């Protein structure tokens, strides 16, 4: 009984610790440091960590030229002795029968008998089987070697550029998905510019962090999808109910990269990687620090996805994912 109570106490203590840790994490920067929102069919997929949509093809080192695939070697003539032996036996039989048929074998010697014919036929059949099997083996080896060489060459030779939709030529095959997505965005929205979009994403990032600290979502509501508005409001209501304020100060964005661009069901999706540092701490209504540090900045990495109907339409924040 005593052991049972000890186990129960430790279980409850672990649960309380877990809940406390979860609550502390929920007060960390806009969105509580969690992943939420919609990325279409990629909602439950990890974000791509690629920093640039264009990837260079690996170059072969000049000091180590690629060796050609070895050609299939002809089979060694390991059966020449057997063929010579069979030829000698057959020649001896034919010579002996010819010798007897011409009367040089002395009295009592006859011509070619049925046994001689059967013996000659058997030897000829064995020779035929042997030669046929060797030819089949050689043919199979030759075909296999040719197939292997063709496959290796196909692997080592880069395919030529291919023409894809929207007037774009692929840099490599298969086509880079992010490059293809950007080409589609440019095709449907001639005013789109990657650098300007990264500046817009950074501006939205700052504005959302400010709204989170003020616990007032109204200034940025038009920058969020309806789903994101609902989630943010629920989290802000939790902060208000607890009488806490998550203060975010000295925000510095170190890097902004476009990592994913794609289209589905008539919508554009674009994901940016944000690497930033920030003073992130939580206080009560009087300003007393409850968690975090108001002097030591923390670094974090997040992926923000924006979506819109295809075409020159305004982008809205649709998802936040942690690295």
C-alpha atoms as a PDB file:
ATOM      1  CA  UNK A   1       0.000   0.000   0.000  1.00  0.00           C
ATOM      2  CA  UNK A   2       2.825   2.363   0.901  1.00  0.00           C
ATOM      3  CA  UNK A   3       4.561   1.619  -2.397  1.00  0.00           C
ATOM      4  CA  UNK A   4       1.342   2.420  -4.255  1.00  0.00           C
ATOM      5  CA  UNK A   5       1.083   5.856  -2.576  1.00  0.00           C
ATOM      6  CA  UNK A   6       4.720   6.650  -3.378  1.00  0.00           C
ATOM      7  CA  UNK A   7       4.129   5.820  -7.048  1.00  0.00           C
ATOM      8  CA  UNK A   8       1.011   8.002  -7.117  1.00  0.00           C
ATOM      9  CA  UNK A   9       2.825  10.961  -5.556  1.00  0.00           C
ATOM     10  CA  UNK A  10       5.687  10.775  -8.060  1.00  0.00           C
ATOM     11  CA  UNK A  11       3.214  10.530 -10.955  1.00  0.00           C
ATOM     12  CA  UNK A  12       1.324  13.623  -9.784  1.00  0.00           C
ATOM     13  CA  UNK A  13       4.566  15.540  -9.296  1.00  0.00           C
ATOM     14  CA  UNK A  14       5.668  14.692 -12.831  1.00  0.00           C
ATOM     15  CA  UNK A  15       2.301  15.786 -14.241  1.00  0.00           C
ATOM     16  CA  UNK A  16       2.447  19.118 -12.392  1.00  0.00           C
ATOM     17  CA  UNK A  17       5.982  19.724 -13.677  1.00  0.00           C
ATOM     18  CA  UNK A  18       4.914  18.940 -17.231  1.00  0.00           C
ATOM     19  CA  UNK A  19       1.936  21.302 -17.031  1.00  0.00           C
ATOM     20  CA  UNK A  20       4.111  24.064 -15.591  1.00  0.00           C
ATOM     21  CA  UNK A  21       6.660  23.651 -18.372  1.00  0.00           C
ATOM     22  CA  UNK A  22       3.900  23.734 -20.972  1.00  0.00           C
ATOM     23  CA  UNK A  23       2.457  26.921 -19.475  1.00  0.00           C
ATOM     24  CA  UNK A  24       5.862  28.581 -19.492  1.00  0.00           C
ATOM     25  CA  UNK A  25       6.389  27.712 -23.160  1.00  0.00           C
ATOM     26  CA  UNK A  26       2.913  29.002 -24.041  1.00  0.00           C
ATOM     27  CA  UNK A  27       3.971  32.502 -23.018  1.00  0.00           C
ATOM     28  CA  UNK A  28       6.936  32.665 -25.375  1.00  0.00           C
ATOM     29  CA  UNK A  29       6.625  35.252 -28.228  1.00  0.00           C
ATOM     30  CA  UNK A  30       3.735  35.559 -30.669  1.00  0.00           C
ATOM     31  CA  UNK A  31       1.955  32.249 -30.946  1.00  0.00           C
ATOM     32  CA  UNK A  32       3.476  30.896 -27.755  1.00  0.00           C
ATOM     33  CA  UNK A  33       6.433  29.290 -29.523  1.00  0.00           C
ATOM     34  CA  UNK A  34       4.166  26.627 -30.991  1.00  0.00           C
ATOM     35  CA  UNK A  35       3.341  25.395 -34.497  1.00  0.00           C
ATOM     36  CA  UNK A  36      -0.187  26.039 -35.728  1.00  0.00           C
ATOM     37  CA  UNK A  37      -2.185  27.203 -38.741  1.00  0.00           C
ATOM     38  CA  UNK A  38      -2.702  25.736 -42.207  1.00  0.00           C
ATOM     39  CA  UNK A  39      -0.217  25.016 -44.988  1.00  0.00           C
ATOM     40  CA  UNK A  40      -2.671  23.218 -47.224  1.00  0.00           C
ATOM     41  CA  UNK A  41      -1.593  19.648 -47.885  1.00  0.00           C
ATOM     42  CA  UNK A  42       1.739  20.368 -46.120  1.00  0.00           C
ATOM     43  CA  UNK A  43       0.205  21.325 -42.787  1.00  0.00           C
ATOM     44  CA  UNK A  44       1.673  18.289 -41.033  1.00  0.00           C
ATOM     45  CA  UNK A  45       4.943  18.237 -42.994  1.00  0.00           C
ATOM     46  CA  UNK A  46       8.194  19.659 -41.681  1.00  0.00           C
ATOM     47  CA  UNK A  47       9.135  22.906 -43.451  1.00  0.00           C
ATOM     48  CA  UNK A  48      11.904  22.843 -46.012  1.00  0.00           C
ATOM     49  CA  UNK A  49      15.215  24.154 -44.652  1.00  0.00           C
ATOM     50  CA  UNK A  50      16.523  25.140 -48.092  1.00  0.00           C
ATOM     51  CA  UNK A  51      17.768  28.712 -48.059  1.00  0.00           C
ATOM     52  CA  UNK A  52      17.775  29.314 -51.816  1.00  0.00           C
ATOM     53  CA  UNK A  53      15.465  27.927 -54.478  1.00  0.00           C
ATOM     54  CA  UNK A  54      18.330  27.487 -56.936  1.00  0.00           C
ATOM     55  CA  UNK A  55      20.769  24.736 -56.134  1.00  0.00           C
ATOM     56  CA  UNK A  56      24.002  24.265 -58.042  1.00  0.00           C
ATOM     57  CA  UNK A  57      24.701  20.908 -59.556  1.00  0.00           C
ATOM     58  CA  UNK A  58      27.629  18.986 -58.041  1.00  0.00           C
ATOM     59  CA  UNK A  59      30.769  19.313 -60.150  1.00  0.00           C
ATOM     60  CA  UNK A  60      33.114  16.454 -60.884  1.00  0.00           C
ATOM     61  CA  UNK A  61      36.621  16.908 -59.470  1.00  0.00           C
ATOM     62  CA  UNK A  62      39.231  17.372 -62.267  1.00  0.00           C
ATOM     63  CA  UNK A  63      41.777  15.454 -60.202  1.00  0.00           C
ATOM     64  CA  UNK A  64      39.580  12.386 -60.122  1.00  0.00           C
ATOM     65  CA  UNK A  65      38.038  11.880 -63.565  1.00  0.00           C
ATOM     66  CA  UNK A  66      35.127   9.494 -63.669  1.00  0.00           C
ATOM     67  CA  UNK A  67      36.152   6.035 -64.731  1.00  0.00           C
ATOM     68  CA  UNK A  68      34.054   4.445 -67.474  1.00  0.00           C
ATOM     69  CA  UNK A  69      32.094   1.398 -66.536  1.00  0.00           C
ATOM     70  CA  UNK A  70      34.136  -1.690 -67.482  1.00  0.00           C
ATOM     71  CA  UNK A  71      32.979  -3.476 -70.584  1.00  0.00           C
ATOM     72  CA  UNK A  72      31.737  -7.031 -70.316  1.00  0.00           C
ATOM     73  CA  UNK A  73      34.695  -9.336 -70.918  1.00  0.00           C
ATOM     74  CA  UNK A  74      34.354 -12.350 -73.239  1.00  0.00           C
ATOM     75  CA  UNK A  75      34.218 -15.645 -71.468  1.00  0.00           C
ATOM     76  CA  UNK A  76      37.455 -17.525 -71.102  1.00  0.00           C
ATOM     77  CA  UNK A  77      37.820 -20.542 -73.316  1.00  0.00           C
ATOM     78  CA  UNK A  78      37.692 -22.984 -70.444  1.00  0.00           C
ATOM     79  CA  UNK A  79      35.916 -25.646 -72.579  1.00  0.00           C
ATOM     80  CA  UNK A  80      38.536 -25.881 -75.353  1.00  0.00           C
ATOM     81  CA  UNK A  81      40.062 -29.018 -73.838  1.00  0.00           C
ATOM     82  CA  UNK A  82      36.669 -30.734 -73.697  1.00  0.00           C
ATOM     83  CA  UNK A  83      35.883 -29.798 -77.276  1.00  0.00           C
ATOM     84  CA  UNK A  84      39.314 -31.053 -78.398  1.00  0.00           C
ATOM     85  CA  UNK A  85      38.788 -34.320 -76.563  1.00  0.00           C
ATOM     86  CA  UNK A  86      35.342 -34.784 -78.091  1.00  0.00           C
ATOM     87  CA  UNK A  87      36.741 -33.988 -81.537  1.00  0.00           C
ATOM     88  CA  UNK A  88      39.531 -36.517 -81.072  1.00  0.00           C
ATOM     89  CA  UNK A  89      37.114 -39.251 -80.019  1.00  0.00           C
ATOM     90  CA  UNK A  90      34.820 -38.501 -82.940  1.00  0.00           C
ATOM     91  CA  UNK A  91      37.746 -38.405 -85.361  1.00  0.00           C
ATOM     92  CA  UNK A  92      39.026 -41.721 -84.044  1.00  0.00           C
ATOM     93  CA  UNK A  93      35.632 -43.359 -84.461  1.00  0.00           C
ATOM     94  CA  UNK A  94      35.204 -42.047 -87.986  1.00  0.00           C
ATOM     95  CA  UNK A  95      38.741 -43.051 -88.927  1.00  0.00           C
ATOM     96  CA  UNK A  96      38.326 -46.550 -87.473  1.00  0.00           C
ATOM     97  CA  UNK A  97      35.035 -47.107 -89.265  1.00  0.00           C
ATOM     98  CA  UNK A  98      36.473 -45.838 -92.529  1.00  0.00           C
ATOM     99  CA  UNK A  99      39.511 -48.070 -92.058  1.00  0.00           C
ATOM    100  CA  UNK A 100      37.321 -51.125 -91.516  1.00  0.00           C
ATOM    101  CA  UNK A 101      35.026 -50.303 -94.396  1.00  0.00           C
ATOM    102  CA  UNK A 102      37.947 -50.219 -96.823  1.00  0.00           C
ATOM    103  CA  UNK A 103      39.109 -53.690 -95.764  1.00  0.00           C
ATOM    104  CA  UNK A 104      42.283 -52.672 -93.987  1.00  0.00           C
ATOM    105  CA  UNK A 105      41.245 -54.114 -90.660  1.00  0.00           C
ATOM    106  CA  UNK A 106      41.897 -57.698 -91.642  1.00  0.00           C
ATOM    107  CA  UNK A 107      39.531 -60.646 -91.970  1.00  0.00           C
ATOM    108  CA  UNK A 108      36.366 -60.525 -89.874  1.00  0.00           C
ATOM    109  CA  UNK A 109      36.175 -56.752 -89.785  1.00  0.00           C
ATOM    110  CA  UNK A 110      32.849 -55.340 -90.946  1.00  0.00           C
ATOM    111  CA  UNK A 111      31.558 -51.915 -92.034  1.00  0.00           C
ATOM    112  CA  UNK A 112      29.716 -49.319 -89.981  1.00  0.00           C
ATOM    113  CA  UNK A 113      27.369 -50.962 -87.481  1.00  0.00           C
ATOM    114  CA  UNK A 114      24.329 -49.706 -85.579  1.00  0.00           C
ATOM    115  CA  UNK A 115      26.392 -49.261 -82.431  1.00  0.00           C
ATOM    116  CA  UNK A 116      28.819 -47.013 -84.283  1.00  0.00           C
ATOM    117  CA  UNK A 117      25.967 -44.860 -85.597  1.00  0.00           C
ATOM    118  CA  UNK A 118      24.458 -44.489 -82.113  1.00  0.00           C
ATOM    119  CA  UNK A 119      27.824 -43.629 -80.649  1.00  0.00           C
ATOM    120  CA  UNK A 120      28.481 -40.976 -83.296  1.00  0.00           C
ATOM    121  CA  UNK A 121      25.003 -39.502 -82.760  1.00  0.00           C
ATOM    122  CA  UNK A 122      25.516 -39.352 -79.004  1.00  0.00           C
ATOM    123  CA  UNK A 123      28.853 -37.585 -79.331  1.00  0.00           C
ATOM    124  CA  UNK A 124      27.419 -35.099 -81.837  1.00  0.00           C
ATOM    125  CA  UNK A 125      24.468 -34.387 -79.523  1.00  0.00           C
ATOM    126  CA  UNK A 126      26.764 -33.769 -76.558  1.00  0.00           C
ATOM    127  CA  UNK A 127      28.892 -31.404 -78.609  1.00  0.00           C
ATOM    128  CA  UNK A 128      25.767 -29.556 -79.777  1.00  0.00           C
ATOM    129  CA  UNK A 129      24.455 -29.179 -76.216  1.00  0.00           C
ATOM    130  CA  UNK A 130      27.793 -27.943 -74.966  1.00  0.00           C
ATOM    131  CA  UNK A 131      28.259 -25.351 -77.719  1.00  0.00           C
ATOM    132  CA  UNK A 132      24.646 -24.119 -77.386  1.00  0.00           C
ATOM    133  CA  UNK A 133      24.932 -23.673 -73.615  1.00  0.00           C
ATOM    134  CA  UNK A 134      28.179 -21.740 -73.983  1.00  0.00           C
ATOM    135  CA  UNK A 135      26.617 -19.423 -76.548  1.00  0.00           C
ATOM    136  CA  UNK A 136      23.596 -18.761 -74.326  1.00  0.00           C
ATOM    137  CA  UNK A 137      25.825 -17.939 -71.363  1.00  0.00           C
ATOM    138  CA  UNK A 138      27.949 -15.590 -73.467  1.00  0.00           C
ATOM    139  CA  UNK A 139      24.855 -13.852 -74.848  1.00  0.00           C
ATOM    140  CA  UNK A 140      23.365 -13.350 -71.383  1.00  0.00           C
ATOM    141  CA  UNK A 141      26.624 -11.912 -70.060  1.00  0.00           C
ATOM    142  CA  UNK A 142      26.871  -9.531 -73.002  1.00  0.00           C
ATOM    143  CA  UNK A 143      23.293  -8.292 -72.541  1.00  0.00           C
ATOM    144  CA  UNK A 144      23.771  -7.834 -68.794  1.00  0.00           C
ATOM    145  CA  UNK A 145      26.980  -5.879 -69.302  1.00  0.00           C
ATOM    146  CA  UNK A 146      25.355  -3.656 -71.910  1.00  0.00           C
ATOM    147  CA  UNK A 147      22.395  -2.949 -69.629  1.00  0.00           C
ATOM    148  CA  UNK A 148      24.674  -2.116 -66.716  1.00  0.00           C
ATOM    149  CA  UNK A 149      26.781   0.209 -68.851  1.00  0.00           C
ATOM    150  CA  UNK A 150      23.693   1.959 -70.228  1.00  0.00           C
ATOM    151  CA  UNK A 151      22.300   2.434 -66.709  1.00  0.00           C
ATOM    152  CA  UNK A 152      25.574   3.844 -65.378  1.00  0.00           C
ATOM    153  CA  UNK A 153      25.850   6.237 -68.299  1.00  0.00           C
ATOM    154  CA  UNK A 154      22.271   7.380 -67.749  1.00  0.00           C
ATOM    155  CA  UNK A 155      23.086   8.036 -64.094  1.00  0.00           C
ATOM    156  CA  UNK A 156      26.265   9.991 -64.810  1.00  0.00           C
ATOM    157  CA  UNK A 157      25.036  12.120 -67.708  1.00  0.00           C
ATOM    158  CA  UNK A 158      22.938  15.130 -66.705  1.00  0.00           C
ATOM    159  CA  UNK A 159      19.755  15.290 -68.801  1.00  0.00           C
ATOM    160  CA  UNK A 160      19.273  18.352 -70.994  1.00  0.00           C
ATOM    161  CA  UNK A 161      17.032  21.196 -69.842  1.00  0.00           C
ATOM    162  CA  UNK A 162      13.351  20.498 -70.249  1.00  0.00           C
ATOM    163  CA  UNK A 163      10.592  22.951 -71.078  1.00  0.00           C
ATOM    164  CA  UNK A 164       7.923  23.368 -68.455  1.00  0.00           C
ATOM    165  CA  UNK A 165       4.812  25.482 -68.104  1.00  0.00           C
ATOM    166  CA  UNK A 166       4.691  29.235 -67.753  1.00  0.00           C
ATOM    167  CA  UNK A 167       7.540  29.722 -70.253  1.00  0.00           C
ATOM    168  CA  UNK A 168      10.252  28.602 -67.824  1.00  0.00           C
ATOM    169  CA  UNK A 169      13.104  26.226 -68.583  1.00  0.00           C
ATOM    170  CA  UNK A 170      14.190  23.935 -65.775  1.00  0.00           C
ATOM    171  CA  UNK A 171      17.749  24.436 -64.525  1.00  0.00           C
ATOM    172  CA  UNK A 172      18.108  20.779 -63.646  1.00  0.00           C
ATOM    173  CA  UNK A 173      15.931  17.697 -63.899  1.00  0.00           C
ATOM    174  CA  UNK A 174      13.781  17.072 -62.021  1.00  0.00           C
ATOM    175  CA  UNK A 175      12.707  20.701 -61.857  1.00  0.00           C
ATOM    176  CA  UNK A 176      13.225  22.466 -58.515  1.00  0.00           C
ATOM    177  CA  UNK A 177       9.799  22.770 -56.924  1.00  0.00           C
ATOM    178  CA  UNK A 178      10.428  26.153 -55.319  1.00  0.00           C
ATOM    179  CA  UNK A 179      11.721  27.618 -58.584  1.00  0.00           C
ATOM    180  CA  UNK A 180       8.681  26.266 -60.377  1.00  0.00           C
ATOM    181  CA  UNK A 181       6.392  27.770 -57.731  1.00  0.00           C
ATOM    182  CA  UNK A 182       8.065  31.172 -58.031  1.00  0.00           C
ATOM    183  CA  UNK A 183       7.748  31.009 -61.814  1.00  0.00           C
ATOM    184  CA  UNK A 184       4.018  30.433 -61.426  1.00  0.00           C
ATOM    185  CA  UNK A 185       3.692  33.378 -59.012  1.00  0.00           C
ATOM    186  CA  UNK A 186       5.556  35.655 -61.454  1.00  0.00           C
ATOM    187  CA  UNK A 187       3.395  34.449 -64.321  1.00  0.00           C
ATOM    188  CA  UNK A 188       0.141  35.189 -62.498  1.00  0.00           C
ATOM    189  CA  UNK A 189       1.372  38.357 -60.755  1.00  0.00           C
ATOM    190  CA  UNK A 190       3.846  40.407 -62.765  1.00  0.00           C
ATOM    191  CA  UNK A 191       4.408  42.824 -59.871  1.00  0.00           C
ATOM    192  CA  UNK A 192       5.692  40.133 -57.494  1.00  0.00           C
ATOM    193  CA  UNK A 193       9.287  40.599 -56.326  1.00  0.00           C
ATOM    194  CA  UNK A 194      11.076  38.195 -53.970  1.00  0.00           C
ATOM    195  CA  UNK A 195      13.127  40.824 -52.141  1.00  0.00           C
ATOM    196  CA  UNK A 196      10.143  43.073 -51.634  1.00  0.00           C
ATOM    197  CA  UNK A 197       8.144  40.127 -50.345  1.00  0.00           C
ATOM    198  CA  UNK A 198      10.850  39.307 -47.776  1.00  0.00           C
ATOM    199  CA  UNK A 199      10.672  42.898 -46.551  1.00  0.00           C
ATOM    200  CA  UNK A 200       6.886  42.593 -46.300  1.00  0.00           C
ATOM    201  CA  UNK A 201       7.191  39.323 -44.369  1.00  0.00           C
ATOM    202  CA  UNK A 202       9.637  40.938 -41.945  1.00  0.00           C
ATOM    203  CA  UNK A 203       7.297  43.902 -41.447  1.00  0.00           C
ATOM    204  CA  UNK A 204       4.368  41.566 -40.726  1.00  0.00           C
ATOM    205  CA  UNK A 205       6.580  39.687 -38.271  1.00  0.00           C
ATOM    206  CA  UNK A 206       7.281  42.888 -36.287  1.00  0.00           C
ATOM    207  CA  UNK A 207       3.653  43.994 -36.358  1.00  0.00           C
ATOM    208  CA  UNK A 208       2.358  40.633 -35.121  1.00  0.00           C
ATOM    209  CA  UNK A 209       4.886  40.599 -32.261  1.00  0.00           C
ATOM    210  CA  UNK A 210       3.746  44.094 -31.245  1.00  0.00           C
ATOM    211  CA  UNK A 211       0.070  43.088 -31.315  1.00  0.00           C
ATOM    212  CA  UNK A 212       0.916  40.030 -29.208  1.00  0.00           C
ATOM    213  CA  UNK A 213       2.633  42.149 -26.548  1.00  0.00           C
ATOM    214  CA  UNK A 214      -0.272  44.619 -26.438  1.00  0.00           C
ATOM    215  CA  UNK A 215      -2.740  41.715 -26.350  1.00  0.00           C
ATOM    216  CA  UNK A 216      -4.706  43.460 -29.086  1.00  0.00           C
ATOM    217  CA  UNK A 217      -5.095  41.663 -32.410  1.00  0.00           C
ATOM    218  CA  UNK A 218      -7.226  44.258 -34.197  1.00  0.00           C
ATOM    219  CA  UNK A 219      -4.336  46.198 -35.871  1.00  0.00           C
ATOM    220  CA  UNK A 220      -3.102  43.043 -37.665  1.00  0.00           C
ATOM    221  CA  UNK A 221      -6.346  41.131 -38.186  1.00  0.00           C
ATOM    222  CA  UNK A 222      -6.334  41.885 -41.925  1.00  0.00           C
ATOM    223  CA  UNK A 223      -2.870  40.274 -42.190  1.00  0.00           C
ATOM    224  CA  UNK A 224      -4.070  36.922 -40.815  1.00  0.00           C
ATOM    225  CA  UNK A 225      -6.228  34.155 -42.230  1.00  0.00           C
ATOM    226  CA  UNK A 226      -9.478  33.520 -40.303  1.00  0.00           C
ATOM    227  CA  UNK A 227      -7.975  30.377 -38.756  1.00  0.00           C
ATOM    228  CA  UNK A 228      -4.932  32.287 -37.496  1.00  0.00           C
ATOM    229  CA  UNK A 229      -7.153  35.031 -36.075  1.00  0.00           C
ATOM    230  CA  UNK A 230      -9.110  32.480 -34.039  1.00  0.00           C
ATOM    231  CA  UNK A 231      -5.960  30.826 -32.672  1.00  0.00           C
ATOM    232  CA  UNK A 232      -4.258  34.112 -31.756  1.00  0.00           C
ATOM    233  CA  UNK A 233      -7.387  35.424 -30.025  1.00  0.00           C
ATOM    234  CA  UNK A 234      -7.676  32.265 -27.940  1.00  0.00           C
ATOM    235  CA  UNK A 235      -4.051  32.578 -26.833  1.00  0.00           C
ATOM    236  CA  UNK A 236      -4.415  36.291 -26.037  1.00  0.00           C
ATOM    237  CA  UNK A 237      -7.590  35.585 -24.047  1.00  0.00           C
ATOM    238  CA  UNK A 238      -5.630  33.018 -22.011  1.00  0.00           C
ATOM    239  CA  UNK A 239      -2.971  35.635 -21.226  1.00  0.00           C
ATOM    240  CA  UNK A 240      -5.626  38.136 -20.144  1.00  0.00           C
ATOM    241  CA  UNK A 241      -7.411  35.549 -17.995  1.00  0.00           C
ATOM    242  CA  UNK A 242      -4.132  34.735 -16.250  1.00  0.00           C
ATOM    243  CA  UNK A 243      -3.327  38.434 -15.751  1.00  0.00           C
ATOM    244  CA  UNK A 244       0.000  38.082 -17.567  1.00  0.00           C
ATOM    245  CA  UNK A 245       1.732  39.988 -20.355  1.00  0.00           C
ATOM    246  CA  UNK A 246       4.287  38.419 -22.678  1.00  0.00           C
ATOM    247  CA  UNK A 247       6.691  41.278 -23.334  1.00  0.00           C
ATOM    248  CA  UNK A 248       8.841  41.182 -26.485  1.00  0.00           C
ATOM    249  CA  UNK A 249      11.603  43.771 -26.803  1.00  0.00           C
ATOM    250  CA  UNK A 250      14.754  44.475 -28.815  1.00  0.00           C
ATOM    251  CA  UNK A 251      13.601  42.286 -31.703  1.00  0.00           C
ATOM    252  CA  UNK A 252      16.358  41.763 -34.280  1.00  0.00           C
ATOM    253  CA  UNK A 253      15.774  39.710 -37.430  1.00  0.00           C
ATOM    254  CA  UNK A 254      19.054  38.148 -38.583  1.00  0.00           C
ATOM    255  CA  UNK A 255      17.961  36.250 -41.691  1.00  0.00           C
ATOM    256  CA  UNK A 256      14.894  36.047 -43.939  1.00  0.00           C
ATOM    257  CA  UNK A 257      14.866  33.355 -46.643  1.00  0.00           C
ATOM    258  CA  UNK A 258      12.187  32.053 -48.986  1.00  0.00           C
ATOM    259  CA  UNK A 259      12.244  28.269 -48.592  1.00  0.00           C
ATOM    260  CA  UNK A 260       9.032  26.968 -50.176  1.00  0.00           C
ATOM    261  CA  UNK A 261       6.653  28.159 -52.890  1.00  0.00           C
ATOM    262  CA  UNK A 262       3.835  26.052 -54.284  1.00  0.00           C
ATOM    263  CA  UNK A 263       0.249  26.140 -55.526  1.00  0.00           C
ATOM    264  CA  UNK A 264      -2.748  23.977 -54.731  1.00  0.00           C
ATOM    265  CA  UNK A 265      -6.501  24.320 -55.079  1.00  0.00           C
ATOM    266  CA  UNK A 266      -6.243  27.775 -56.613  1.00  0.00           C
ATOM    267  CA  UNK A 267      -4.022  29.259 -53.885  1.00  0.00           C
ATOM    268  CA  UNK A 268      -0.392  30.360 -53.666  1.00  0.00           C
ATOM    269  CA  UNK A 269       1.637  29.287 -50.622  1.00  0.00           C
ATOM    270  CA  UNK A 270       4.977  30.842 -49.728  1.00  0.00           C
ATOM    271  CA  UNK A 271       7.081  29.962 -46.674  1.00  0.00           C
ATOM    272  CA  UNK A 272       9.881  32.133 -45.291  1.00  0.00           C
ATOM    273  CA  UNK A 273      12.489  31.197 -42.709  1.00  0.00           C
ATOM    274  CA  UNK A 274      13.008  33.811 -39.993  1.00  0.00           C
ATOM    275  CA  UNK A 275      16.073  33.734 -37.747  1.00  0.00           C
ATOM    276  CA  UNK A 276      15.764  36.332 -34.985  1.00  0.00           C
ATOM    277  CA  UNK A 277      16.801  37.270 -31.460  1.00  0.00           C
ATOM    278  CA  UNK A 278      14.552  38.886 -28.874  1.00  0.00           C
ATOM    279  CA  UNK A 279      14.078  39.761 -25.216  1.00  0.00           C
ATOM    280  CA  UNK A 280      11.201  37.469 -24.299  1.00  0.00           C
ATOM    281  CA  UNK A 281       9.809  37.523 -20.767  1.00  0.00           C
ATOM    282  CA  UNK A 282       6.440  37.415 -19.008  1.00  0.00           C
ATOM    283  CA  UNK A 283       5.209  39.811 -16.296  1.00  0.00           C
ATOM    284  CA  UNK A 284       2.068  40.305 -14.282  1.00  0.00           C
ATOM    285  CA  UNK A 285      -0.125  43.390 -14.608  1.00  0.00           C
ATOM    286  CA  UNK A 286       2.159  45.334 -12.251  1.00  0.00           C
ATOM    287  CA  UNK A 287       5.276  44.615 -14.327  1.00  0.00           C
ATOM    288  CA  UNK A 288       6.836  41.974 -12.067  1.00  0.00           C
ATOM    289  CA  UNK A 289       8.859  39.465 -14.087  1.00  0.00           C
ATOM    290  CA  UNK A 290       7.349  36.000 -13.741  1.00  0.00           C
ATOM    291  CA  UNK A 291       9.405  34.080 -16.301  1.00  0.00           C
ATOM    292  CA  UNK A 292      12.052  34.667 -18.920  1.00  0.00           C
ATOM    293  CA  UNK A 293      14.741  37.343 -18.821  1.00  0.00           C
ATOM    294  CA  UNK A 294      14.474  41.068 -19.500  1.00  0.00           C
ATOM    295  CA  UNK A 295      18.235  41.324 -20.023  1.00  0.00           C
ATOM    296  CA  UNK A 296      19.358  38.183 -21.891  1.00  0.00           C
ATOM    297  CA  UNK A 297      18.063  37.901 -25.476  1.00  0.00           C
ATOM    298  CA  UNK A 298      17.117  34.505 -26.891  1.00  0.00           C
ATOM    299  CA  UNK A 299      17.624  33.348 -30.462  1.00  0.00           C
ATOM    300  CA  UNK A 300      14.937  31.402 -32.306  1.00  0.00           C
ATOM    301  CA  UNK A 301      14.094  30.162 -35.791  1.00  0.00           C
ATOM    302  CA  UNK A 302      10.569  29.964 -37.201  1.00  0.00           C
ATOM    303  CA  UNK A 303       8.915  29.309 -40.549  1.00  0.00           C
ATOM    304  CA  UNK A 304       6.022  31.602 -41.466  1.00  0.00           C
ATOM    305  CA  UNK A 305       3.756  30.569 -44.325  1.00  0.00           C
ATOM    306  CA  UNK A 306       1.677  33.102 -46.248  1.00  0.00           C
ATOM    307  CA  UNK A 307      -1.142  32.259 -48.637  1.00  0.00           C
ATOM    308  CA  UNK A 308      -3.509  33.993 -51.028  1.00  0.00           C
ATOM    309  CA  UNK A 309      -5.757  33.227 -54.003  1.00  0.00           C
ATOM    310  CA  UNK A 310      -3.632  32.858 -57.149  1.00  0.00           C
ATOM    311  CA  UNK A 311      -2.971  36.233 -58.756  1.00  0.00           C
ATOM    312  CA  UNK A 312      -2.202  39.770 -57.519  1.00  0.00           C
ATOM    313  CA  UNK A 313      -4.005  39.382 -54.196  1.00  0.00           C
ATOM    314  CA  UNK A 314      -2.848  40.351 -50.677  1.00  0.00           C
ATOM    315  CA  UNK A 315      -0.861  37.756 -48.743  1.00  0.00           C
ATOM    316  CA  UNK A 316      -2.064  36.630 -45.325  1.00  0.00           C
ATOM    317  CA  UNK A 317      -0.212  34.747 -42.601  1.00  0.00           C
ATOM    318  CA  UNK A 318      -1.647  31.216 -42.578  1.00  0.00           C
ATOM    319  CA  UNK A 319       0.787  29.188 -40.433  1.00  0.00           C
ATOM    320  CA  UNK A 320       3.736  29.367 -38.029  1.00  0.00           C
ATOM    321  CA  UNK A 321       6.075  26.401 -37.595  1.00  0.00           C
ATOM    322  CA  UNK A 322       8.982  25.975 -35.233  1.00  0.00           C
ATOM    323  CA  UNK A 323      12.349  24.874 -36.601  1.00  0.00           C
END
